[in-house]
Amino acid sequence: MFAIVRTGGKQYRVAAGDKIVVEKIAGDAGSTVSLGDVLLAGEGSELRDVAGLTVSAEIIAQAKGEKVIVFKKRRRHNYRRRNGHRQQHTILKITAIGAAK
């Protein structure tokens, strides 16, 4: 069975046992979170009703993404700015797709 969930402004296709990297979700490693914003669910080509459907996941780790360098320059004005950014991520392992409890 698969589901399409929305978290952090992005959509992910997940199934039980999958590992996904999402925007930061509050919680410690080992804790369980419930993703309630399920957009679509099904098995094979059959679709299911998503009313009351939730996806439960376990937080594996809180991590940071790769560093992105932001460099601004205006020629002939002696203007240079260098800045870096590392996005916070949460690594989730999908444990089950089922009804809300």
C-alpha atoms as a PDB file:
ATOM      1  CA  MET A   1       0.000   0.000   0.000  1.00  0.00           C
ATOM      2  CA  PHE A   2       1.202   3.507  -0.765  1.00  0.00           C
ATOM      3  CA  ALA A   3       0.166   6.998   0.262  1.00  0.00           C
ATOM      4  CA  ILE A   4       0.991  10.524  -0.812  1.00  0.00           C
ATOM      5  CA  VAL A   5       1.530  12.800   2.191  1.00  0.00           C
ATOM      6  CA  ARG A   6       2.225  16.515   2.451  1.00  0.00           C
ATOM      7  CA  THR A   7       4.701  17.826   5.017  1.00  0.00           C
ATOM      8  CA  GLY A   8       6.898  20.894   4.968  1.00  0.00           C
ATOM      9  CA  GLY A   9       5.191  22.204   1.832  1.00  0.00           C
ATOM     10  CA  LYS A  10       6.278  19.195  -0.241  1.00  0.00           C
ATOM     11  CA  GLN A  11       4.567  15.959  -1.249  1.00  0.00           C
ATOM     12  CA  TYR A  12       6.071  12.489  -0.808  1.00  0.00           C
ATOM     13  CA  ARG A  13       4.983   9.073  -2.071  1.00  0.00           C
ATOM     14  CA  VAL A  14       5.558   6.628   0.768  1.00  0.00           C
ATOM     15  CA  ALA A  15       5.021   2.977   1.596  1.00  0.00           C
ATOM     16  CA  ALA A  16       5.676   0.987   4.759  1.00  0.00           C
ATOM     17  CA  GLY A  17       9.423   0.600   5.317  1.00  0.00           C
ATOM     18  CA  ASP A  18      10.455   3.616   3.226  1.00  0.00           C
ATOM     19  CA  LYS A  19      12.972   6.179   4.474  1.00  0.00           C
ATOM     20  CA  ILE A  20      12.418   9.800   3.485  1.00  0.00           C
ATOM     21  CA  VAL A  21      14.160  13.102   4.202  1.00  0.00           C
ATOM     22  CA  VAL A  22      11.720  15.920   5.037  1.00  0.00           C
ATOM     23  CA  GLU A  23      11.867  19.459   6.399  1.00  0.00           C
ATOM     24  CA  LYS A  24      12.582  19.597  10.130  1.00  0.00           C
ATOM     25  CA  ILE A  25       9.899  18.100  12.384  1.00  0.00           C
ATOM     26  CA  ALA A  26      10.097  18.586  16.142  1.00  0.00           C
ATOM     27  CA  GLY A  27      11.059  15.432  18.046  1.00  0.00           C
ATOM     28  CA  ASP A  28      13.974  13.296  19.151  1.00  0.00           C
ATOM     29  CA  ALA A  29      15.465  10.288  17.398  1.00  0.00           C
ATOM     30  CA  GLY A  30      13.419   7.198  18.147  1.00  0.00           C
ATOM     31  CA  SER A  31      10.133   9.017  18.728  1.00  0.00           C
ATOM     32  CA  THR A  32       7.042   8.396  16.623  1.00  0.00           C
ATOM     33  CA  VAL A  33       5.226  11.060  14.593  1.00  0.00           C
ATOM     34  CA  SER A  34       1.934  10.937  12.748  1.00  0.00           C
ATOM     35  CA  LEU A  35       1.553  12.531   9.327  1.00  0.00           C
ATOM     36  CA  GLY A  36      -2.126  13.379   9.041  1.00  0.00           C
ATOM     37  CA  ASP A  37      -2.183  15.307   5.761  1.00  0.00           C
ATOM     38  CA  VAL A  38      -2.731  12.339   3.427  1.00  0.00           C
ATOM     39  CA  LEU A  39      -3.655  13.389  -0.106  1.00  0.00           C
ATOM     40  CA  LEU A  40      -4.012  10.010  -1.836  1.00  0.00           C
ATOM     41  CA  ALA A  41      -3.789   6.350  -0.875  1.00  0.00           C
ATOM     42  CA  GLY A  42      -4.047   3.102  -2.733  1.00  0.00           C
ATOM     43  CA  GLU A  43      -2.736  -0.325  -3.537  1.00  0.00           C
ATOM     44  CA  GLY A  44      -1.676  -1.050  -7.088  1.00  0.00           C
ATOM     45  CA  SER A  45      -4.136   0.768  -9.322  1.00  0.00           C
ATOM     46  CA  GLU A  46      -6.928   0.768  -6.704  1.00  0.00           C
ATOM     47  CA  LEU A  47      -7.438   4.012  -4.773  1.00  0.00           C
ATOM     48  CA  ARG A  48      -8.758   4.249  -1.201  1.00  0.00           C
ATOM     49  CA  ASP A  49     -10.721   6.869   0.675  1.00  0.00           C
ATOM     50  CA  VAL A  50      -8.319   9.072   2.665  1.00  0.00           C
ATOM     51  CA  ALA A  51     -10.831  10.327   5.244  1.00  0.00           C
ATOM     52  CA  GLY A  52      -9.313   9.640   8.669  1.00  0.00           C
ATOM     53  CA  LEU A  53      -6.204   8.023   7.196  1.00  0.00           C
ATOM     54  CA  THR A  54      -2.836   8.718   8.838  1.00  0.00           C
ATOM     55  CA  VAL A  55       0.731   7.684   8.174  1.00  0.00           C
ATOM     56  CA  SER A  56       2.870   6.867  11.205  1.00  0.00           C
ATOM     57  CA  ALA A  57       6.637   7.244  11.038  1.00  0.00           C
ATOM     58  CA  GLU A  58       9.641   6.943  13.324  1.00  0.00           C
ATOM     59  CA  ILE A  59      12.264   9.679  13.502  1.00  0.00           C
ATOM     60  CA  ILE A  60      15.643   8.152  12.684  1.00  0.00           C
ATOM     61  CA  ALA A  61      17.761  11.307  12.960  1.00  0.00           C
ATOM     62  CA  GLN A  62      17.791  15.084  12.898  1.00  0.00           C
ATOM     63  CA  ALA A  63      20.388  16.188  10.343  1.00  0.00           C
ATOM     64  CA  LYS A  64      21.631  19.108   8.293  1.00  0.00           C
ATOM     65  CA  GLY A  65      21.774  19.263   4.513  1.00  0.00           C
ATOM     66  CA  GLU A  66      24.715  20.207   2.368  1.00  0.00           C
ATOM     67  CA  LYS A  67      26.000  23.759   2.629  1.00  0.00           C
ATOM     68  CA  VAL A  68      24.790  26.150  -0.049  1.00  0.00           C
ATOM     69  CA  ILE A  69      27.017  29.154  -0.744  1.00  0.00           C
ATOM     70  CA  VAL A  70      25.270  32.421  -1.592  1.00  0.00           C
ATOM     71  CA  PHE A  71      27.634  34.854  -3.324  1.00  0.00           C
ATOM     72  CA  LYS A  72      26.560  38.338  -4.408  1.00  0.00           C
ATOM     73  CA  LYS A  73      28.691  40.685  -6.456  1.00  0.00           C
ATOM     74  CA  ARG A  74      28.183  44.000  -8.206  1.00  0.00           C
ATOM     75  CA  ARG A  75      30.944  44.675 -10.627  1.00  0.00           C
ATOM     76  CA  ARG A  76      32.902  47.899 -10.448  1.00  0.00           C
ATOM     77  CA  HIS A  77      31.390  48.818  -7.063  1.00  0.00           C
ATOM     78  CA  ASN A  78      33.702  46.840  -4.750  1.00  0.00           C
ATOM     79  CA  TYR A  79      30.663  44.942  -3.471  1.00  0.00           C
ATOM     80  CA  ARG A  80      31.038  41.266  -2.567  1.00  0.00           C
ATOM     81  CA  ARG A  81      29.015  39.271  -0.033  1.00  0.00           C
ATOM     82  CA  ARG A  82      29.521  35.622   0.785  1.00  0.00           C
ATOM     83  CA  ASN A  83      27.002  33.748   2.896  1.00  0.00           C
ATOM     84  CA  GLY A  84      26.297  30.091   3.604  1.00  0.00           C
ATOM     85  CA  HIS A  85      23.201  28.120   4.574  1.00  0.00           C
ATOM     86  CA  ARG A  86      22.595  24.564   5.823  1.00  0.00           C
ATOM     87  CA  GLN A  87      18.973  23.411   5.864  1.00  0.00           C
ATOM     88  CA  GLN A  88      17.675  21.392   8.834  1.00  0.00           C
ATOM     89  CA  HIS A  89      16.265  17.967   7.863  1.00  0.00           C
ATOM     90  CA  THR A  90      14.517  15.085   9.600  1.00  0.00           C
ATOM     91  CA  ILE A  91      15.021  11.520   8.398  1.00  0.00           C
ATOM     92  CA  LEU A  92      11.845   9.447   8.785  1.00  0.00           C
ATOM     93  CA  LYS A  93      11.161   5.725   8.466  1.00  0.00           C
ATOM     94  CA  ILE A  94       7.549   4.982   7.559  1.00  0.00           C
ATOM     95  CA  THR A  95       6.192   2.315   9.893  1.00  0.00           C
ATOM     96  CA  ALA A  96       2.522   1.996   8.938  1.00  0.00           C
ATOM     97  CA  ILE A  97      -0.238   3.425   6.799  1.00  0.00           C
ATOM     98  CA  GLY A  98      -3.605   3.054   8.449  1.00  0.00           C
ATOM     99  CA  ALA A  99      -6.648   4.580  10.066  1.00  0.00           C
ATOM    100  CA  ALA A 100      -6.393   7.203  12.801  1.00  0.00           C
ATOM    101  CA  LYS A 101      -6.363   5.829  16.321  1.00  0.00           C
END
